[in-house]
Amino acid sequence: MKPIAILGVVLIVLGIGGLFLSRVTWTETKPVVKVGPLEVNSQEDHTVWIPTAAGVITVLAGLGLVFAGKRAA
């Protein structure tokens, strides 16, 4: 497989994943105060929304690269 076709397959997989997972959420813990053995932490929740259009465009771009890689062969 040509590298451009491999990149196309990766984009297809990421695009399909973006369509099924509409958001990615994680929690970040930051130290606020640390005095000797006493430590106060703050937790922040972060969410990144993945638009449906981005997933569709990524899949279409991946398909284009796969077909371009096969055509160049």
PDB file of N, CA and C in Angstrom:
ATOM      1  N   MET A   1       0.831  -1.177   0.000  1.00  0.00           N
ATOM      2  CA  MET A   1       0.000   0.000   0.000  1.00  0.00           C
ATOM      3  C   MET A   1       0.878   1.243   0.000  1.00  0.00           C
ATOM      4  N   LYS A   2       0.468   2.223  -0.754  1.00  0.00           N
ATOM      5  CA  LYS A   2       1.223   3.471  -0.801  1.00  0.00           C
ATOM      6  C   LYS A   2       0.946   4.298   0.455  1.00  0.00           C
ATOM      7  N   PRO A   3       1.897   5.145   0.837  1.00  0.00           N
ATOM      8  CA  PRO A   3       1.710   5.955   2.048  1.00  0.00           C
ATOM      9  C   PRO A   3       0.456   6.842   1.989  1.00  0.00           C
ATOM     10  N   ILE A   4       0.108   7.342   0.822  1.00  0.00           N
ATOM     11  CA  ILE A   4      -1.081   8.191   0.718  1.00  0.00           C
ATOM     12  C   ILE A   4      -2.348   7.379   0.989  1.00  0.00           C
ATOM     13  N   ALA A   5      -2.361   6.120   0.565  1.00  0.00           N
ATOM     14  CA  ALA A   5      -3.516   5.263   0.833  1.00  0.00           C
ATOM     15  C   ALA A   5      -3.596   4.908   2.319  1.00  0.00           C
ATOM     16  N   ILE A   6      -2.455   4.708   2.950  1.00  0.00           N
ATOM     17  CA  ILE A   6      -2.432   4.426   4.387  1.00  0.00           C
ATOM     18  C   ILE A   6      -2.959   5.634   5.160  1.00  0.00           C
ATOM     19  N   LEU A   7      -2.543   6.834   4.763  1.00  0.00           N
ATOM     20  CA  LEU A   7      -3.064   8.051   5.390  1.00  0.00           C
ATOM     21  C   LEU A   7      -4.575   8.148   5.181  1.00  0.00           C
ATOM     22  N   GLY A   8      -5.042   7.761   4.016  1.00  0.00           N
ATOM     23  CA  GLY A   8      -6.476   7.762   3.744  1.00  0.00           C
ATOM     24  C   GLY A   8      -7.229   6.817   4.667  1.00  0.00           C
ATOM     25  N   VAL A   9      -6.686   5.637   4.895  1.00  0.00           N
ATOM     26  CA  VAL A   9      -7.333   4.664   5.788  1.00  0.00           C
ATOM     27  C   VAL A   9      -7.358   5.208   7.217  1.00  0.00           C
ATOM     28  N   VAL A  10      -6.281   5.836   7.643  1.00  0.00           N
ATOM     29  CA  VAL A  10      -6.236   6.420   8.988  1.00  0.00           C
ATOM     30  C   VAL A  10      -7.297   7.515   9.118  1.00  0.00           C
ATOM     31  N   LEU A  11      -7.440   8.356   8.088  1.00  0.00           N
ATOM     32  CA  LEU A  11      -8.454   9.404   8.129  1.00  0.00           C
ATOM     33  C   LEU A  11      -9.866   8.818   8.169  1.00  0.00           C
ATOM     34  N   ILE A  12     -10.087   7.744   7.435  1.00  0.00           N
ATOM     35  CA  ILE A  12     -11.400   7.095   7.454  1.00  0.00           C
ATOM     36  C   ILE A  12     -11.720   6.583   8.858  1.00  0.00           C
ATOM     37  N   VAL A  13     -10.759   5.913   9.477  1.00  0.00           N
ATOM     38  CA  VAL A  13     -10.969   5.373  10.824  1.00  0.00           C
ATOM     39  C   VAL A  13     -11.228   6.507  11.825  1.00  0.00           C
ATOM     40  N   LEU A  14     -10.438   7.579  11.745  1.00  0.00           N
ATOM     41  CA  LEU A  14     -10.640   8.715  12.657  1.00  0.00           C
ATOM     42  C   LEU A  14     -11.987   9.394  12.413  1.00  0.00           C
ATOM     43  N   GLY A  15     -12.383   9.513  11.154  1.00  0.00           N
ATOM     44  CA  GLY A  15     -13.661  10.130  10.832  1.00  0.00           C
ATOM     45  C   GLY A  15     -14.833   9.316  11.341  1.00  0.00           C
ATOM     46  N   ILE A  16     -14.773   7.998  11.182  1.00  0.00           N
ATOM     47  CA  ILE A  16     -15.838   7.133  11.700  1.00  0.00           C
ATOM     48  C   ILE A  16     -15.871   7.194  13.227  1.00  0.00           C
ATOM     49  N   GLY A  17     -14.707   7.222  13.839  1.00  0.00           N
ATOM     50  CA  GLY A  17     -14.655   7.376  15.295  1.00  0.00           C
ATOM     51  C   GLY A  17     -15.254   8.694  15.740  1.00  0.00           C
ATOM     52  N   GLY A  18     -15.003   9.760  14.984  1.00  0.00           N
ATOM     53  CA  GLY A  18     -15.582  11.061  15.304  1.00  0.00           C
ATOM     54  C   GLY A  18     -17.088  11.085  15.142  1.00  0.00           C
ATOM     55  N   LEU A  19     -17.604  10.284  14.217  1.00  0.00           N
ATOM     56  CA  LEU A  19     -19.055  10.217  14.040  1.00  0.00           C
ATOM     57  C   LEU A  19     -19.726   9.472  15.191  1.00  0.00           C
ATOM     58  N   PHE A  20     -19.076   8.440  15.700  1.00  0.00           N
ATOM     59  CA  PHE A  20     -19.659   7.673  16.800  1.00  0.00           C
ATOM     60  C   PHE A  20     -19.443   8.341  18.158  1.00  0.00           C
ATOM     61  N   LEU A  21     -18.314   8.985  18.332  1.00  0.00           N
ATOM     62  CA  LEU A  21     -18.026   9.688  19.585  1.00  0.00           C
ATOM     63  C   LEU A  21     -18.237  11.174  19.326  1.00  0.00           C
ATOM     64  N   SER A  22     -19.337  11.709  19.782  1.00  0.00           N
ATOM     65  CA  SER A  22     -19.636  13.107  19.492  1.00  0.00           C
ATOM     66  C   SER A  22     -18.868  14.071  20.399  1.00  0.00           C
ATOM     67  N   ARG A  23     -18.265  13.551  21.451  1.00  0.00           N
ATOM     68  CA  ARG A  23     -17.484  14.399  22.345  1.00  0.00           C
ATOM     69  C   ARG A  23     -16.404  13.579  23.035  1.00  0.00           C
ATOM     70  N   VAL A  24     -15.362  14.277  23.472  1.00  0.00           N
ATOM     71  CA  VAL A  24     -14.279  13.666  24.236  1.00  0.00           C
ATOM     72  C   VAL A  24     -14.187  14.442  25.546  1.00  0.00           C
ATOM     73  N   THR A  25     -14.235  13.735  26.666  1.00  0.00           N
ATOM     74  CA  THR A  25     -14.233  14.377  27.980  1.00  0.00           C
ATOM     75  C   THR A  25     -13.089  13.824  28.827  1.00  0.00           C
ATOM     76  N   TRP A  26     -12.418  14.715  29.550  1.00  0.00           N
ATOM     77  CA  TRP A  26     -11.391  14.279  30.485  1.00  0.00           C
ATOM     78  C   TRP A  26     -11.378  15.224  31.680  1.00  0.00           C
ATOM     79  N   THR A  27     -10.817  14.740  32.778  1.00  0.00           N
ATOM     80  CA  THR A  27     -10.722  15.518  34.014  1.00  0.00           C
ATOM     81  C   THR A  27      -9.258  15.809  34.298  1.00  0.00           C
ATOM     82  N   GLU A  28      -8.982  17.060  34.603  1.00  0.00           N
ATOM     83  CA  GLU A  28      -7.621  17.489  34.893  1.00  0.00           C
ATOM     84  C   GLU A  28      -7.551  17.918  36.361  1.00  0.00           C
ATOM     85  N   THR A  29      -6.579  17.397  37.086  1.00  0.00           N
ATOM     86  CA  THR A  29      -6.392  17.749  38.491  1.00  0.00           C
ATOM     87  C   THR A  29      -5.188  18.679  38.613  1.00  0.00           C
ATOM     88  N   LYS A  30      -5.432  19.836  39.232  1.00  0.00           N
ATOM     89  CA  LYS A  30      -4.359  20.817  39.418  1.00  0.00           C
ATOM     90  C   LYS A  30      -4.179  21.081  40.910  1.00  0.00           C
ATOM     91  N   PRO A  31      -2.926  21.123  41.374  1.00  0.00           N
ATOM     92  CA  PRO A  31      -2.700  21.463  42.785  1.00  0.00           C
ATOM     93  C   PRO A  31      -2.956  22.953  43.013  1.00  0.00           C
ATOM     94  N   VAL A  32      -3.710  23.277  44.075  1.00  0.00           N
ATOM     95  CA  VAL A  32      -4.002  24.672  44.406  1.00  0.00           C
ATOM     96  C   VAL A  32      -3.074  25.132  45.518  1.00  0.00           C
ATOM     97  N   VAL A  33      -3.028  24.355  46.603  1.00  0.00           N
ATOM     98  CA  VAL A  33      -2.186  24.702  47.753  1.00  0.00           C
ATOM     99  C   VAL A  33      -1.492  23.431  48.216  1.00  0.00           C
ATOM    100  N   LYS A  34      -0.198  23.558  48.505  1.00  0.00           N
ATOM    101  CA  LYS A  34       0.554  22.425  49.051  1.00  0.00           C
ATOM    102  C   LYS A  34       1.382  22.952  50.223  1.00  0.00           C
ATOM    103  N   VAL A  35       0.966  22.543  51.430  1.00  0.00           N
ATOM    104  CA  VAL A  35       1.655  22.966  52.649  1.00  0.00           C
ATOM    105  C   VAL A  35       2.040  21.707  53.401  1.00  0.00           C
ATOM    106  N   GLY A  36       3.306  21.354  53.334  1.00  0.00           N
ATOM    107  CA  GLY A  36       3.777  20.137  53.982  1.00  0.00           C
ATOM    108  C   GLY A  36       3.039  18.928  53.433  1.00  0.00           C
ATOM    109  N   PRO A  37       2.512  18.086  54.328  1.00  0.00           N
ATOM    110  CA  PRO A  37       1.799  16.902  53.858  1.00  0.00           C
ATOM    111  C   PRO A  37       0.366  17.215  53.389  1.00  0.00           C
ATOM    112  N   LEU A  38      -0.112  18.449  53.653  1.00  0.00           N
ATOM    113  CA  LEU A  38      -1.465  18.840  53.270  1.00  0.00           C
ATOM    114  C   LEU A  38      -1.466  19.381  51.841  1.00  0.00           C
ATOM    115  N   GLU A  39      -2.370  18.859  51.029  1.00  0.00           N
ATOM    116  CA  GLU A  39      -2.444  19.288  49.631  1.00  0.00           C
ATOM    117  C   GLU A  39      -3.908  19.477  49.244  1.00  0.00           C
ATOM    118  N   VAL A  40      -4.213  20.625  48.637  1.00  0.00           N
ATOM    119  CA  VAL A  40      -5.556  20.909  48.154  1.00  0.00           C
ATOM    120  C   VAL A  40      -5.511  20.940  46.632  1.00  0.00           C
ATOM    121  N   ASN A  41      -6.378  20.120  46.016  1.00  0.00           N
ATOM    122  CA  ASN A  41      -6.396  20.023  44.563  1.00  0.00           C
ATOM    123  C   ASN A  41      -7.714  20.540  44.006  1.00  0.00           C
ATOM    124  N   SER A  42      -7.651  20.952  42.771  1.00  0.00           N
ATOM    125  CA  SER A  42      -8.842  21.396  42.058  1.00  0.00           C
ATOM    126  C   SER A  42      -9.003  20.512  40.820  1.00  0.00           C
ATOM    127  N   GLN A  43     -10.227  20.057  40.583  1.00  0.00           N
ATOM    128  CA  GLN A  43     -10.486  19.236  39.410  1.00  0.00           C
ATOM    129  C   GLN A  43     -11.294  20.036  38.400  1.00  0.00           C
ATOM    130  N   GLU A  44     -10.831  20.003  37.156  1.00  0.00           N
ATOM    131  CA  GLU A  44     -11.526  20.686  36.074  1.00  0.00           C
ATOM    132  C   GLU A  44     -11.938  19.659  35.033  1.00  0.00           C
ATOM    133  N   ASP A  45     -13.196  19.708  34.641  1.00  0.00           N
ATOM    134  CA  ASP A  45     -13.685  18.838  33.572  1.00  0.00           C
ATOM    135  C   ASP A  45     -13.573  19.580  32.247  1.00  0.00           C
ATOM    136  N   HIS A  46     -13.029  18.897  31.256  1.00  0.00           N
ATOM    137  CA  HIS A  46     -12.890  19.473  29.919  1.00  0.00           C
ATOM    138  C   HIS A  46     -13.673  18.607  28.938  1.00  0.00           C
ATOM    139  N   THR A  47     -14.347  19.244  28.009  1.00  0.00           N
ATOM    140  CA  THR A  47     -15.097  18.538  26.986  1.00  0.00           C
ATOM    141  C   THR A  47     -14.807  19.178  25.636  1.00  0.00           C
ATOM    142  N   VAL A  48     -14.486  18.349  24.653  1.00  0.00           N
ATOM    143  CA  VAL A  48     -14.286  18.802  23.286  1.00  0.00           C
ATOM    144  C   VAL A  48     -15.376  18.167  22.442  1.00  0.00           C
ATOM    145  N   TRP A  49     -16.206  18.988  21.815  1.00  0.00           N
ATOM    146  CA  TRP A  49     -17.273  18.497  20.950  1.00  0.00           C
ATOM    147  C   TRP A  49     -16.731  18.294  19.547  1.00  0.00           C
ATOM    148  N   ILE A  50     -17.087  17.185  18.929  1.00  0.00           N
ATOM    149  CA  ILE A  50     -16.667  16.873  17.568  1.00  0.00           C
ATOM    150  C   ILE A  50     -17.887  17.040  16.660  1.00  0.00           C
ATOM    151  N   PRO A  51     -17.887  18.056  15.805  1.00  0.00           N
ATOM    152  CA  PRO A  51     -19.041  18.264  14.936  1.00  0.00           C
ATOM    153  C   PRO A  51     -19.211  17.107  13.949  1.00  0.00           C
ATOM    154  N   THR A  52     -20.462  16.808  13.624  1.00  0.00           N
ATOM    155  CA  THR A  52     -20.752  15.735  12.680  1.00  0.00           C
ATOM    156  C   THR A  52     -20.137  16.038  11.321  1.00  0.00           C
ATOM    157  N   ALA A  53     -20.173  17.298  10.933  1.00  0.00           N
ATOM    158  CA  ALA A  53     -19.612  17.687   9.631  1.00  0.00           C
ATOM    159  C   ALA A  53     -18.118  17.375   9.562  1.00  0.00           C
ATOM    160  N   ALA A  54     -17.406  17.532  10.666  1.00  0.00           N
ATOM    161  CA  ALA A  54     -15.970  17.231  10.673  1.00  0.00           C
ATOM    162  C   ALA A  54     -15.726  15.748  10.438  1.00  0.00           C
ATOM    163  N   GLY A  55     -16.554  14.896  11.037  1.00  0.00           N
ATOM    164  CA  GLY A  55     -16.415  13.455  10.815  1.00  0.00           C
ATOM    165  C   GLY A  55     -16.702  13.072   9.375  1.00  0.00           C
ATOM    166  N   VAL A  56     -17.747  13.664   8.796  1.00  0.00           N
ATOM    167  CA  VAL A  56     -18.101  13.357   7.403  1.00  0.00           C
ATOM    168  C   VAL A  56     -17.017  13.837   6.456  1.00  0.00           C
ATOM    169  N   ILE A  57     -16.507  15.041   6.677  1.00  0.00           N
ATOM    170  CA  ILE A  57     -15.449  15.584   5.812  1.00  0.00           C
ATOM    171  C   ILE A  57     -14.187  14.747   5.918  1.00  0.00           C
ATOM    172  N   THR A  58     -13.858  14.287   7.123  1.00  0.00           N
ATOM    173  CA  THR A  58     -12.663  13.461   7.316  1.00  0.00           C
ATOM    174  C   THR A  58     -12.793  12.123   6.593  1.00  0.00           C
ATOM    175  N   VAL A  59     -13.976  11.513   6.666  1.00  0.00           N
ATOM    176  CA  VAL A  59     -14.196  10.244   5.958  1.00  0.00           C
ATOM    177  C   VAL A  59     -14.092  10.451   4.453  1.00  0.00           C
ATOM    178  N   LEU A  60     -14.699  11.517   3.942  1.00  0.00           N
ATOM    179  CA  LEU A  60     -14.638  11.789   2.501  1.00  0.00           C
ATOM    180  C   LEU A  60     -13.208  12.083   2.041  1.00  0.00           C
ATOM    181  N   ALA A  61     -12.460  12.820   2.844  1.00  0.00           N
ATOM    182  CA  ALA A  61     -11.064  13.098   2.501  1.00  0.00           C
ATOM    183  C   ALA A  61     -10.247  11.802   2.497  1.00  0.00           C
ATOM    184  N   GLY A  62     -10.511  10.929   3.473  1.00  0.00           N
ATOM    185  CA  GLY A  62      -9.813   9.642   3.520  1.00  0.00           C
ATOM    186  C   GLY A  62     -10.136   8.784   2.318  1.00  0.00           C
ATOM    187  N   LEU A  63     -11.409   8.755   1.915  1.00  0.00           N
ATOM    188  CA  LEU A  63     -11.790   7.995   0.717  1.00  0.00           C
ATOM    189  C   LEU A  63     -11.100   8.549  -0.522  1.00  0.00           C
ATOM    190  N   GLY A  64     -11.024   9.874  -0.604  1.00  0.00           N
ATOM    191  CA  GLY A  64     -10.328  10.488  -1.738  1.00  0.00           C
ATOM    192  C   GLY A  64      -8.860  10.106  -1.788  1.00  0.00           C
ATOM    193  N   LEU A  65      -8.208  10.074  -0.631  1.00  0.00           N
ATOM    194  CA  LEU A  65      -6.794   9.695  -0.601  1.00  0.00           C
ATOM    195  C   LEU A  65      -6.600   8.217  -0.938  1.00  0.00           C
ATOM    196  N   VAL A  66      -7.512   7.365  -0.489  1.00  0.00           N
ATOM    197  CA  VAL A  66      -7.402   5.938  -0.814  1.00  0.00           C
ATOM    198  C   VAL A  66      -7.549   5.731  -2.323  1.00  0.00           C
ATOM    199  N   PHE A  67      -8.525   6.390  -2.926  1.00  0.00           N
ATOM    200  CA  PHE A  67      -8.710   6.249  -4.373  1.00  0.00           C
ATOM    201  C   PHE A  67      -7.556   6.867  -5.150  1.00  0.00           C
ATOM    202  N   ALA A  68      -7.002   7.970  -4.658  1.00  0.00           N
ATOM    203  CA  ALA A  68      -5.850   8.581  -5.302  1.00  0.00           C
ATOM    204  C   ALA A  68      -4.636   7.679  -5.193  1.00  0.00           C
ATOM    205  N   GLY A  69      -4.477   7.001  -4.055  1.00  0.00           N
ATOM    206  CA  GLY A  69      -3.361   6.076  -3.901  1.00  0.00           C
ATOM    207  C   GLY A  69      -3.486   4.861  -4.793  1.00  0.00           C
ATOM    208  N   LYS A  70      -4.701   4.379  -5.003  1.00  0.00           N
ATOM    209  CA  LYS A  70      -4.894   3.220  -5.888  1.00  0.00           C
ATOM    210  C   LYS A  70      -4.736   3.616  -7.350  1.00  0.00           C
ATOM    211  N   ARG A  71      -5.150   4.823  -7.696  1.00  0.00           N
ATOM    212  CA  ARG A  71      -5.042   5.277  -9.067  1.00  0.00           C
ATOM    213  C   ARG A  71      -3.579   5.488  -9.457  1.00  0.00           C
ATOM    214  N   ALA A  72      -2.758   5.946  -8.519  1.00  0.00           N
ATOM    215  CA  ALA A  72      -1.347   6.200  -8.804  1.00  0.00           C
ATOM    216  C   ALA A  72      -0.548   4.900  -8.923  1.00  0.00           C
ATOM    217  N   ALA A  73      -1.114   3.795  -8.480  1.00  0.00           N
ATOM    218  CA  ALA A  73      -0.380   2.519  -8.502  1.00  0.00           C
ATOM    219  C   ALA A  73      -0.237   1.955  -9.884  1.00  0.00           C
TER     220      ALA A  73
END
